[in-house]
Amino acid sequence: VSTGMMDVAMNAQAVMVEQQLKKPIMTSFHALFSVGMMLGALCG
């Protein structure tokens, strides 16, 4: 539940940034999140 709520909050923030930039960047947010998770798992 906590992870799901955090994911919704991050997506909402990304939508706000997209609206300000007026270009699609949501895929970049998801890609960087995945890279961060992989690096975190590797370091762990």
PDB file of all heavy atoms in Angstrom:
ATOM      1  N   VAL A   1       0.835  -1.200   0.000  1.00  0.00           N
ATOM      2  CA  VAL A   1       0.000   0.000   0.000  1.00  0.00           C
ATOM      3  C   VAL A   1       0.872   1.253   0.000  1.00  0.00           C
ATOM      4  O   VAL A   1       0.627   2.201  -0.747  1.00  0.00           O
ATOM      5  CB  VAL A   1      -0.964  -0.003   1.209  1.00  0.00           C
ATOM      6  CG1 VAL A   1      -1.636   1.342   1.390  1.00  0.00           C
ATOM      7  CG2 VAL A   1      -2.007  -1.096   1.053  1.00  0.00           C
ATOM      8  N   SER A   2       1.919   1.259   0.820  1.00  0.00           N
ATOM      9  CA  SER A   2       2.825   2.420   0.883  1.00  0.00           C
ATOM     10  C   SER A   2       3.519   2.642  -0.453  1.00  0.00           C
ATOM     11  O   SER A   2       3.623   3.780  -0.924  1.00  0.00           O
ATOM     12  CB  SER A   2       3.904   2.234   1.944  1.00  0.00           C
ATOM     13  OG  SER A   2       3.417   1.700   3.097  1.00  0.00           O
ATOM     14  N   THR A   3       3.999   1.590  -1.055  1.00  0.00           N
ATOM     15  CA  THR A   3       4.678   1.709  -2.341  1.00  0.00           C
ATOM     16  C   THR A   3       3.710   2.196  -3.415  1.00  0.00           C
ATOM     17  O   THR A   3       4.072   3.045  -4.243  1.00  0.00           O
ATOM     18  CB  THR A   3       5.283   0.353  -2.744  1.00  0.00           C
ATOM     19  OG1 THR A   3       6.162  -0.085  -1.711  1.00  0.00           O
ATOM     20  CG2 THR A   3       6.059   0.455  -4.047  1.00  0.00           C
ATOM     21  N   GLY A   4       2.488   1.706  -3.402  1.00  0.00           N
ATOM     22  CA  GLY A   4       1.485   2.147  -4.363  1.00  0.00           C
ATOM     23  C   GLY A   4       1.162   3.622  -4.204  1.00  0.00           C
ATOM     24  O   GLY A   4       1.057   4.360  -5.194  1.00  0.00           O
ATOM     25  N   MET A   5       1.027   4.078  -2.956  1.00  0.00           N
ATOM     26  CA  MET A   5       0.743   5.497  -2.720  1.00  0.00           C
ATOM     27  C   MET A   5       1.917   6.372  -3.164  1.00  0.00           C
ATOM     28  O   MET A   5       1.715   7.444  -3.745  1.00  0.00           O
ATOM     29  CB  MET A   5       0.428   5.738  -1.241  1.00  0.00           C
ATOM     30  CG  MET A   5      -0.900   5.166  -0.834  1.00  0.00           C
ATOM     31  SD  MET A   5      -1.492   5.510   0.851  1.00  0.00           S
ATOM     32  CE  MET A   5      -0.078   5.794   1.818  1.00  0.00           C
ATOM     33  N   MET A   6       3.125   5.898  -2.911  1.00  0.00           N
ATOM     34  CA  MET A   6       4.292   6.659  -3.341  1.00  0.00           C
ATOM     35  C   MET A   6       4.357   6.728  -4.866  1.00  0.00           C
ATOM     36  O   MET A   6       4.684   7.769  -5.435  1.00  0.00           O
ATOM     37  CB  MET A   6       5.578   6.023  -2.788  1.00  0.00           C
ATOM     38  CG  MET A   6       6.829   6.810  -3.134  1.00  0.00           C
ATOM     39  SD  MET A   6       8.330   6.101  -2.465  1.00  0.00           S
ATOM     40  CE  MET A   6       8.483   4.607  -3.402  1.00  0.00           C
ATOM     41  N   ASP A   7       4.020   5.638  -5.530  1.00  0.00           N
ATOM     42  CA  ASP A   7       4.031   5.607  -6.992  1.00  0.00           C
ATOM     43  C   ASP A   7       3.014   6.589  -7.573  1.00  0.00           C
ATOM     44  O   ASP A   7       3.316   7.312  -8.519  1.00  0.00           O
ATOM     45  CB  ASP A   7       3.742   4.185  -7.483  1.00  0.00           C
ATOM     46  CG  ASP A   7       4.008   4.016  -8.957  1.00  0.00           C
ATOM     47  OD1 ASP A   7       4.986   4.595  -9.456  1.00  0.00           O
ATOM     48  OD2 ASP A   7       3.224   3.307  -9.617  1.00  0.00           O
ATOM     49  N   VAL A   8       1.832   6.637  -6.983  1.00  0.00           N
ATOM     50  CA  VAL A   8       0.802   7.575  -7.446  1.00  0.00           C
ATOM     51  C   VAL A   8       1.284   9.014  -7.243  1.00  0.00           C
ATOM     52  O   VAL A   8       1.118   9.869  -8.119  1.00  0.00           O
ATOM     53  CB  VAL A   8      -0.534   7.324  -6.717  1.00  0.00           C
ATOM     54  CG1 VAL A   8      -1.523   8.448  -6.965  1.00  0.00           C
ATOM     55  CG2 VAL A   8      -1.128   5.983  -7.147  1.00  0.00           C
ATOM     56  N   ALA A   9       1.897   9.289  -6.100  1.00  0.00           N
ATOM     57  CA  ALA A   9       2.392  10.642  -5.818  1.00  0.00           C
ATOM     58  C   ALA A   9       3.494  11.040  -6.807  1.00  0.00           C
ATOM     59  O   ALA A   9       3.517  12.180  -7.297  1.00  0.00           O
ATOM     60  CB  ALA A   9       2.904  10.721  -4.391  1.00  0.00           C
ATOM     61  N   MET A  10       4.388  10.111  -7.112  1.00  0.00           N
ATOM     62  CA  MET A  10       5.462  10.422  -8.068  1.00  0.00           C
ATOM     63  C   MET A  10       4.895  10.658  -9.462  1.00  0.00           C
ATOM     64  O   MET A  10       5.343  11.573 -10.168  1.00  0.00           O
ATOM     65  CB  MET A  10       6.492   9.283  -8.107  1.00  0.00           C
ATOM     66  CG  MET A  10       7.359   9.208  -6.883  1.00  0.00           C
ATOM     67  SD  MET A  10       8.728   8.047  -7.019  1.00  0.00           S
ATOM     68  CE  MET A  10       7.894   6.502  -7.230  1.00  0.00           C
ATOM     69  N   ASN A  11       3.916   9.862  -9.871  1.00  0.00           N
ATOM     70  CA  ASN A  11       3.304  10.058 -11.184  1.00  0.00           C
ATOM     71  C   ASN A  11       2.562  11.392 -11.252  1.00  0.00           C
ATOM     72  O   ASN A  11       2.611  12.079 -12.282  1.00  0.00           O
ATOM     73  CB  ASN A  11       2.361   8.906 -11.525  1.00  0.00           C
ATOM     74  CG  ASN A  11       3.110   7.659 -11.925  1.00  0.00           C
ATOM     75  OD1 ASN A  11       4.259   7.718 -12.341  1.00  0.00           O
ATOM     76  ND2 ASN A  11       2.474   6.508 -11.784  1.00  0.00           N
ATOM     77  N   ALA A  12       1.894  11.768 -10.168  1.00  0.00           N
ATOM     78  CA  ALA A  12       1.201  13.060 -10.147  1.00  0.00           C
ATOM     79  C   ALA A  12       2.201  14.202 -10.281  1.00  0.00           C
ATOM     80  O   ALA A  12       1.952  15.184 -10.993  1.00  0.00           O
ATOM     81  CB  ALA A  12       0.395  13.206  -8.859  1.00  0.00           C
ATOM     82  N   GLN A  13       3.332  14.083  -9.613  1.00  0.00           N
ATOM     83  CA  GLN A  13       4.375  15.110  -9.718  1.00  0.00           C
ATOM     84  C   GLN A  13       4.913  15.172 -11.145  1.00  0.00           C
ATOM     85  O   GLN A  13       5.127  16.253 -11.689  1.00  0.00           O
ATOM     86  CB  GLN A  13       5.511  14.806  -8.738  1.00  0.00           C
ATOM     87  CG  GLN A  13       6.574  15.859  -8.690  1.00  0.00           C
ATOM     88  CD  GLN A  13       6.091  17.154  -8.062  1.00  0.00           C
ATOM     89  OE1 GLN A  13       5.248  17.159  -7.195  1.00  0.00           O
ATOM     90  NE2 GLN A  13       6.629  18.255  -8.529  1.00  0.00           N
ATOM     91  N   ALA A  14       5.120  14.023 -11.761  1.00  0.00           N
ATOM     92  CA  ALA A  14       5.621  13.990 -13.137  1.00  0.00           C
ATOM     93  C   ALA A  14       4.617  14.620 -14.105  1.00  0.00           C
ATOM     94  O   ALA A  14       5.010  15.315 -15.039  1.00  0.00           O
ATOM     95  CB  ALA A  14       5.919  12.552 -13.552  1.00  0.00           C
ATOM     96  N   VAL A  15       3.328  14.409 -13.865  1.00  0.00           N
ATOM     97  CA  VAL A  15       2.303  15.018 -14.716  1.00  0.00           C
ATOM     98  C   VAL A  15       2.361  16.539 -14.592  1.00  0.00           C
ATOM     99  O   VAL A  15       2.268  17.267 -15.590  1.00  0.00           O
ATOM    100  CB  VAL A  15       0.893  14.488 -14.354  1.00  0.00           C
ATOM    101  CG1 VAL A  15      -0.195  15.334 -14.976  1.00  0.00           C
ATOM    102  CG2 VAL A  15       0.760  13.042 -14.798  1.00  0.00           C
ATOM    103  N   MET A  16       2.551  17.040 -13.381  1.00  0.00           N
ATOM    104  CA  MET A  16       2.652  18.490 -13.188  1.00  0.00           C
ATOM    105  C   MET A  16       3.869  19.061 -13.910  1.00  0.00           C
ATOM    106  O   MET A  16       3.796  20.125 -14.542  1.00  0.00           O
ATOM    107  CB  MET A  16       2.700  18.825 -11.698  1.00  0.00           C
ATOM    108  CG  MET A  16       1.378  18.603 -11.001  1.00  0.00           C
ATOM    109  SD  MET A  16       1.361  18.780  -9.202  1.00  0.00           S
ATOM    110  CE  MET A  16       2.541  20.012  -8.843  1.00  0.00           C
ATOM    111  N   VAL A  17       4.989  18.349 -13.850  1.00  0.00           N
ATOM    112  CA  VAL A  17       6.193  18.803 -14.553  1.00  0.00           C
ATOM    113  C   VAL A  17       5.960  18.766 -16.062  1.00  0.00           C
ATOM    114  O   VAL A  17       6.351  19.684 -16.785  1.00  0.00           O
ATOM    115  CB  VAL A  17       7.416  17.945 -14.148  1.00  0.00           C
ATOM    116  CG1 VAL A  17       8.622  18.269 -15.006  1.00  0.00           C
ATOM    117  CG2 VAL A  17       7.739  18.152 -12.673  1.00  0.00           C
ATOM    118  N   GLU A  18       5.316  17.693 -16.543  1.00  0.00           N
ATOM    119  CA  GLU A  18       4.991  17.597 -17.973  1.00  0.00           C
ATOM    120  C   GLU A  18       4.139  18.771 -18.437  1.00  0.00           C
ATOM    121  O   GLU A  18       4.370  19.332 -19.512  1.00  0.00           O
ATOM    122  CB  GLU A  18       4.222  16.304 -18.265  1.00  0.00           C
ATOM    123  CG  GLU A  18       5.072  15.131 -18.599  1.00  0.00           C
ATOM    124  CD  GLU A  18       4.246  13.947 -19.049  1.00  0.00           C
ATOM    125  OE1 GLU A  18       3.048  13.847 -18.712  1.00  0.00           O
ATOM    126  OE2 GLU A  18       4.808  13.106 -19.761  1.00  0.00           O
ATOM    127  N   GLN A  19       3.162  19.132 -17.641  1.00  0.00           N
ATOM    128  CA  GLN A  19       2.283  20.240 -18.012  1.00  0.00           C
ATOM    129  C   GLN A  19       3.052  21.556 -18.093  1.00  0.00           C
ATOM    130  O   GLN A  19       2.786  22.385 -18.958  1.00  0.00           O
ATOM    131  CB  GLN A  19       1.125  20.352 -17.019  1.00  0.00           C
ATOM    132  CG  GLN A  19       0.118  19.241 -17.155  1.00  0.00           C
ATOM    133  CD  GLN A  19      -0.937  19.268 -16.066  1.00  0.00           C
ATOM    134  OE1 GLN A  19      -0.812  19.980 -15.072  1.00  0.00           O
ATOM    135  NE2 GLN A  19      -1.981  18.470 -16.252  1.00  0.00           N
ATOM    136  N   GLN A  20       4.015  21.742 -17.193  1.00  0.00           N
ATOM    137  CA  GLN A  20       4.796  22.977 -17.217  1.00  0.00           C
ATOM    138  C   GLN A  20       5.761  23.006 -18.403  1.00  0.00           C
ATOM    139  O   GLN A  20       5.971  24.045 -19.012  1.00  0.00           O
ATOM    140  CB  GLN A  20       5.567  23.149 -15.916  1.00  0.00           C
ATOM    141  CG  GLN A  20       4.671  23.486 -14.744  1.00  0.00           C
ATOM    142  CD  GLN A  20       5.447  23.644 -13.448  1.00  0.00           C
ATOM    143  OE1 GLN A  20       6.643  23.393 -13.394  1.00  0.00           O
ATOM    144  NE2 GLN A  20       4.754  24.051 -12.396  1.00  0.00           N
ATOM    145  N   LEU A  21       6.345  21.852 -18.722  1.00  0.00           N
ATOM    146  CA  LEU A  21       7.293  21.790 -19.841  1.00  0.00           C
ATOM    147  C   LEU A  21       6.594  21.698 -21.194  1.00  0.00           C
ATOM    148  O   LEU A  21       7.220  21.949 -22.223  1.00  0.00           O
ATOM    149  CB  LEU A  21       8.236  20.592 -19.667  1.00  0.00           C
ATOM    150  CG  LEU A  21       9.230  20.660 -18.523  1.00  0.00           C
ATOM    151  CD1 LEU A  21      10.035  19.369 -18.449  1.00  0.00           C
ATOM    152  CD2 LEU A  21      10.156  21.853 -18.680  1.00  0.00           C
ATOM    153  N   LYS A  22       5.341  21.269 -21.175  1.00  0.00           N
ATOM    154  CA  LYS A  22       4.548  21.100 -22.401  1.00  0.00           C
ATOM    155  C   LYS A  22       5.179  20.110 -23.385  1.00  0.00           C
ATOM    156  O   LYS A  22       5.168  20.316 -24.588  1.00  0.00           O
ATOM    157  CB  LYS A  22       4.315  22.450 -23.078  1.00  0.00           C
ATOM    158  CG  LYS A  22       3.494  23.382 -22.231  1.00  0.00           C
ATOM    159  CD  LYS A  22       3.190  24.662 -22.951  1.00  0.00           C
ATOM    160  CE  LYS A  22       2.186  25.427 -22.171  1.00  0.00           C
ATOM    161  NZ  LYS A  22       2.547  26.543 -21.451  1.00  0.00           N
ATOM    162  N   LYS A  23       5.767  19.045 -22.815  1.00  0.00           N
ATOM    163  CA  LYS A  23       6.257  17.946 -23.636  1.00  0.00           C
ATOM    164  C   LYS A  23       6.239  16.672 -22.797  1.00  0.00           C
ATOM    165  O   LYS A  23       6.344  16.727 -21.569  1.00  0.00           O
ATOM    166  CB  LYS A  23       7.657  18.219 -24.188  1.00  0.00           C
ATOM    167  CG  LYS A  23       8.752  18.331 -23.167  1.00  0.00           C
ATOM    168  CD  LYS A  23      10.083  18.589 -23.854  1.00  0.00           C
ATOM    169  CE  LYS A  23      11.219  18.546 -22.847  1.00  0.00           C
ATOM    170  NZ  LYS A  23      12.506  18.652 -23.485  1.00  0.00           N
ATOM    171  N   PRO A  24       6.095  15.515 -23.448  1.00  0.00           N
ATOM    172  CA  PRO A  24       5.995  14.260 -22.689  1.00  0.00           C
ATOM    173  C   PRO A  24       7.357  13.813 -22.133  1.00  0.00           C
ATOM    174  O   PRO A  24       8.322  13.667 -22.870  1.00  0.00           O
ATOM    175  CB  PRO A  24       5.479  13.261 -23.727  1.00  0.00           C
ATOM    176  CG  PRO A  24       5.891  13.823 -25.040  1.00  0.00           C
ATOM    177  CD  PRO A  24       5.915  15.322 -24.876  1.00  0.00           C
ATOM    178  N   ILE A  25       7.405  13.635 -20.830  1.00  0.00           N
ATOM    179  CA  ILE A  25       8.640  13.169 -20.190  1.00  0.00           C
ATOM    180  C   ILE A  25       8.378  12.042 -19.190  1.00  0.00           C
ATOM    181  O   ILE A  25       9.292  11.619 -18.489  1.00  0.00           O
ATOM    182  CB  ILE A  25       9.379  14.323 -19.483  1.00  0.00           C
ATOM    183  CG1 ILE A  25       8.485  14.971 -18.441  1.00  0.00           C
ATOM    184  CG2 ILE A  25       9.889  15.339 -20.475  1.00  0.00           C
ATOM    185  CD1 ILE A  25       9.210  15.932 -17.539  1.00  0.00           C
ATOM    186  N   MET A  26       7.131  11.557 -19.143  1.00  0.00           N
ATOM    187  CA  MET A  26       6.777  10.511 -18.171  1.00  0.00           C
ATOM    188  C   MET A  26       7.625   9.257 -18.370  1.00  0.00           C
ATOM    189  O   MET A  26       8.044   8.635 -17.396  1.00  0.00           O
ATOM    190  CB  MET A  26       5.299  10.162 -18.294  1.00  0.00           C
ATOM    191  CG  MET A  26       4.813   9.145 -17.286  1.00  0.00           C
ATOM    192  SD  MET A  26       4.699   9.758 -15.617  1.00  0.00           S
ATOM    193  CE  MET A  26       3.186  10.668 -15.708  1.00  0.00           C
ATOM    194  N   THR A  27       7.897   8.881 -19.603  1.00  0.00           N
ATOM    195  CA  THR A  27       8.707   7.682 -19.837  1.00  0.00           C
ATOM    196  C   THR A  27      10.115   7.852 -19.281  1.00  0.00           C
ATOM    197  O   THR A  27      10.707   6.885 -18.793  1.00  0.00           O
ATOM    198  CB  THR A  27       8.786   7.355 -21.341  1.00  0.00           C
ATOM    199  OG1 THR A  27       9.233   8.500 -22.046  1.00  0.00           O
ATOM    200  CG2 THR A  27       7.435   6.933 -21.882  1.00  0.00           C
ATOM    201  N   SER A  28      10.635   9.060 -19.324  1.00  0.00           N
ATOM    202  CA  SER A  28      11.961   9.315 -18.748  1.00  0.00           C
ATOM    203  C   SER A  28      11.940   9.124 -17.234  1.00  0.00           C
ATOM    204  O   SER A  28      12.877   8.570 -16.651  1.00  0.00           O
ATOM    205  CB  SER A  28      12.426  10.733 -19.063  1.00  0.00           C
ATOM    206  OG  SER A  28      12.513  10.929 -20.445  1.00  0.00           O
ATOM    207  N   PHE A  29      10.865   9.591 -16.583  1.00  0.00           N
ATOM    208  CA  PHE A  29      10.733   9.400 -15.143  1.00  0.00           C
ATOM    209  C   PHE A  29      10.709   7.912 -14.794  1.00  0.00           C
ATOM    210  O   PHE A  29      11.386   7.466 -13.865  1.00  0.00           O
ATOM    211  CB  PHE A  29       9.463  10.077 -14.612  1.00  0.00           C
ATOM    212  CG  PHE A  29       9.617  11.537 -14.350  1.00  0.00           C
ATOM    213  CD1 PHE A  29       9.093  12.466 -15.219  1.00  0.00           C
ATOM    214  CD2 PHE A  29      10.275  11.981 -13.225  1.00  0.00           C
ATOM    215  CE1 PHE A  29       9.218  13.815 -14.980  1.00  0.00           C
ATOM    216  CE2 PHE A  29      10.416  13.330 -12.968  1.00  0.00           C
ATOM    217  CZ  PHE A  29       9.891  14.254 -13.839  1.00  0.00           C
ATOM    218  N   HIS A  30       9.926   7.145 -15.554  1.00  0.00           N
ATOM    219  CA  HIS A  30       9.833   5.714 -15.282  1.00  0.00           C
ATOM    220  C   HIS A  30      11.162   5.011 -15.551  1.00  0.00           C
ATOM    221  O   HIS A  30      11.567   4.117 -14.791  1.00  0.00           O
ATOM    222  CB  HIS A  30       8.713   5.082 -16.115  1.00  0.00           C
ATOM    223  CG  HIS A  30       7.357   5.401 -15.591  1.00  0.00           C
ATOM    224  ND1 HIS A  30       6.251   5.420 -16.389  1.00  0.00           N
ATOM    225  CD2 HIS A  30       6.920   5.730 -14.363  1.00  0.00           C
ATOM    226  CE1 HIS A  30       5.186   5.737 -15.669  1.00  0.00           C
ATOM    227  NE2 HIS A  30       5.583   5.941 -14.427  1.00  0.00           N
ATOM    228  N   ALA A  31      11.853   5.411 -16.600  1.00  0.00           N
ATOM    229  CA  ALA A  31      13.143   4.791 -16.915  1.00  0.00           C
ATOM    230  C   ALA A  31      14.160   5.084 -15.821  1.00  0.00           C
ATOM    231  O   ALA A  31      14.880   4.180 -15.378  1.00  0.00           O
ATOM    232  CB  ALA A  31      13.658   5.297 -18.262  1.00  0.00           C
ATOM    233  N   LEU A  32      14.225   6.323 -15.377  1.00  0.00           N
ATOM    234  CA  LEU A  32      15.190   6.682 -14.329  1.00  0.00           C
ATOM    235  C   LEU A  32      14.849   6.004 -13.004  1.00  0.00           C
ATOM    236  O   LEU A  32      15.747   5.616 -12.254  1.00  0.00           O
ATOM    237  CB  LEU A  32      15.270   8.193 -14.165  1.00  0.00           C
ATOM    238  CG  LEU A  32      15.937   8.927 -15.321  1.00  0.00           C
ATOM    239  CD1 LEU A  32      15.842  10.430 -15.131  1.00  0.00           C
ATOM    240  CD2 LEU A  32      17.384   8.498 -15.456  1.00  0.00           C
ATOM    241  N   PHE A  33      13.557   5.849 -12.712  1.00  0.00           N
ATOM    242  CA  PHE A  33      13.154   5.132 -11.506  1.00  0.00           C
ATOM    243  C   PHE A  33      13.630   3.684 -11.573  1.00  0.00           C
ATOM    244  O   PHE A  33      14.173   3.152 -10.597  1.00  0.00           O
ATOM    245  CB  PHE A  33      11.629   5.185 -11.346  1.00  0.00           C
ATOM    246  CG  PHE A  33      11.128   4.513 -10.105  1.00  0.00           C
ATOM    247  CD1 PHE A  33      11.225   5.140  -8.878  1.00  0.00           C
ATOM    248  CD2 PHE A  33      10.562   3.256 -10.174  1.00  0.00           C
ATOM    249  CE1 PHE A  33      10.768   4.512  -7.727  1.00  0.00           C
ATOM    250  CE2 PHE A  33      10.097   2.619  -9.039  1.00  0.00           C
ATOM    251  CZ  PHE A  33      10.197   3.257  -7.804  1.00  0.00           C
ATOM    252  N   SER A  34      13.473   3.058 -12.735  1.00  0.00           N
ATOM    253  CA  SER A  34      13.915   1.673 -12.902  1.00  0.00           C
ATOM    254  C   SER A  34      15.427   1.550 -12.791  1.00  0.00           C
ATOM    255  O   SER A  34      15.939   0.618 -12.151  1.00  0.00           O
ATOM    256  CB  SER A  34      13.461   1.129 -14.256  1.00  0.00           C
ATOM    257  OG  SER A  34      12.060   1.105 -14.327  1.00  0.00           O
ATOM    258  N   VAL A  35      16.153   2.493 -13.383  1.00  0.00           N
ATOM    259  CA  VAL A  35      17.616   2.481 -13.278  1.00  0.00           C
ATOM    260  C   VAL A  35      18.030   2.647 -11.818  1.00  0.00           C
ATOM    261  O   VAL A  35      18.926   1.947 -11.329  1.00  0.00           O
ATOM    262  CB  VAL A  35      18.237   3.586 -14.164  1.00  0.00           C
ATOM    263  CG1 VAL A  35      19.713   3.776 -13.859  1.00  0.00           C
ATOM    264  CG2 VAL A  35      18.033   3.257 -15.633  1.00  0.00           C
ATOM    265  N   GLY A  36      17.371   3.551 -11.108  1.00  0.00           N
ATOM    266  CA  GLY A  36      17.674   3.749  -9.689  1.00  0.00           C
ATOM    267  C   GLY A  36      17.422   2.496  -8.867  1.00  0.00           C
ATOM    268  O   GLY A  36      18.210   2.154  -7.977  1.00  0.00           O
ATOM    269  N   MET A  37      16.318   1.803  -9.162  1.00  0.00           N
ATOM    270  CA  MET A  37      16.017   0.563  -8.437  1.00  0.00           C
ATOM    271  C   MET A  37      17.066  -0.514  -8.722  1.00  0.00           C
ATOM    272  O   MET A  37      17.491  -1.232  -7.823  1.00  0.00           O
ATOM    273  CB  MET A  37      14.632   0.053  -8.815  1.00  0.00           C
ATOM    274  CG  MET A  37      13.501   0.931  -8.324  1.00  0.00           C
ATOM    275  SD  MET A  37      13.345   0.954  -6.548  1.00  0.00           S
ATOM    276  CE  MET A  37      12.533  -0.598  -6.281  1.00  0.00           C
ATOM    277  N   MET A  38      17.491  -0.612  -9.984  1.00  0.00           N
ATOM    278  CA  MET A  38      18.513  -1.605 -10.331  1.00  0.00           C
ATOM    279  C   MET A  38      19.844  -1.283  -9.655  1.00  0.00           C
ATOM    280  O   MET A  38      20.517  -2.177  -9.128  1.00  0.00           O
ATOM    281  CB  MET A  38      18.687  -1.691 -11.848  1.00  0.00           C
ATOM    282  CG  MET A  38      17.550  -2.385 -12.541  1.00  0.00           C
ATOM    283  SD  MET A  38      17.854  -2.704 -14.297  1.00  0.00           S
ATOM    284  CE  MET A  38      18.029  -1.063 -14.951  1.00  0.00           C
ATOM    285  N   LEU A  39      20.222  -0.014  -9.671  1.00  0.00           N
ATOM    286  CA  LEU A  39      21.475   0.382  -9.008  1.00  0.00           C
ATOM    287  C   LEU A  39      21.400   0.146  -7.502  1.00  0.00           C
ATOM    288  O   LEU A  39      22.377  -0.284  -6.888  1.00  0.00           O
ATOM    289  CB  LEU A  39      21.809   1.833  -9.308  1.00  0.00           C
ATOM    290  CG  LEU A  39      22.273   2.132 -10.725  1.00  0.00           C
ATOM    291  CD1 LEU A  39      22.436   3.644 -10.920  1.00  0.00           C
ATOM    292  CD2 LEU A  39      23.572   1.413 -11.032  1.00  0.00           C
ATOM    293  N   GLY A  40      20.247   0.430  -6.923  1.00  0.00           N
ATOM    294  CA  GLY A  40      20.068   0.178  -5.496  1.00  0.00           C
ATOM    295  C   GLY A  40      20.183  -1.304  -5.158  1.00  0.00           C
ATOM    296  O   GLY A  40      20.811  -1.687  -4.173  1.00  0.00           O
ATOM    297  N   ALA A  41      19.578  -2.146  -5.987  1.00  0.00           N
ATOM    298  CA  ALA A  41      19.658  -3.595  -5.770  1.00  0.00           C
ATOM    299  C   ALA A  41      21.092  -4.083  -5.950  1.00  0.00           C
ATOM    300  O   ALA A  41      21.579  -4.925  -5.182  1.00  0.00           O
ATOM    301  CB  ALA A  41      18.729  -4.319  -6.731  1.00  0.00           C
ATOM    302  N   LEU A  42      21.776  -3.549  -6.957  1.00  0.00           N
ATOM    303  CA  LEU A  42      23.172  -3.930  -7.189  1.00  0.00           C
ATOM    304  C   LEU A  42      24.047  -3.533  -6.011  1.00  0.00           C
ATOM    305  O   LEU A  42      24.851  -4.338  -5.518  1.00  0.00           O
ATOM    306  CB  LEU A  42      23.680  -3.285  -8.474  1.00  0.00           C
ATOM    307  CG  LEU A  42      25.134  -3.567  -8.838  1.00  0.00           C
ATOM    308  CD1 LEU A  42      25.319  -5.046  -9.159  1.00  0.00           C
ATOM    309  CD2 LEU A  42      25.562  -2.708 -10.009  1.00  0.00           C
ATOM    310  N   CYS A  43      23.881  -2.305  -5.528  1.00  0.00           N
ATOM    311  CA  CYS A  43      24.672  -1.846  -4.380  1.00  0.00           C
ATOM    312  C   CYS A  43      24.352  -2.664  -3.136  1.00  0.00           C
ATOM    313  O   CYS A  43      25.249  -3.034  -2.379  1.00  0.00           O
ATOM    314  CB  CYS A  43      24.411  -0.369  -4.107  1.00  0.00           C
ATOM    315  SG  CYS A  43      25.141   0.734  -5.314  1.00  0.00           S
ATOM    316  N   GLY A  44      23.064  -2.955  -2.932  1.00  0.00           N
ATOM    317  CA  GLY A  44      22.678  -3.765  -1.776  1.00  0.00           C
ATOM    318  C   GLY A  44      23.304  -5.152  -1.808  1.00  0.00           C
ATOM    319  O   GLY A  44      23.811  -5.639  -0.800  1.00  0.00           O
TER     320      GLY A  44
END
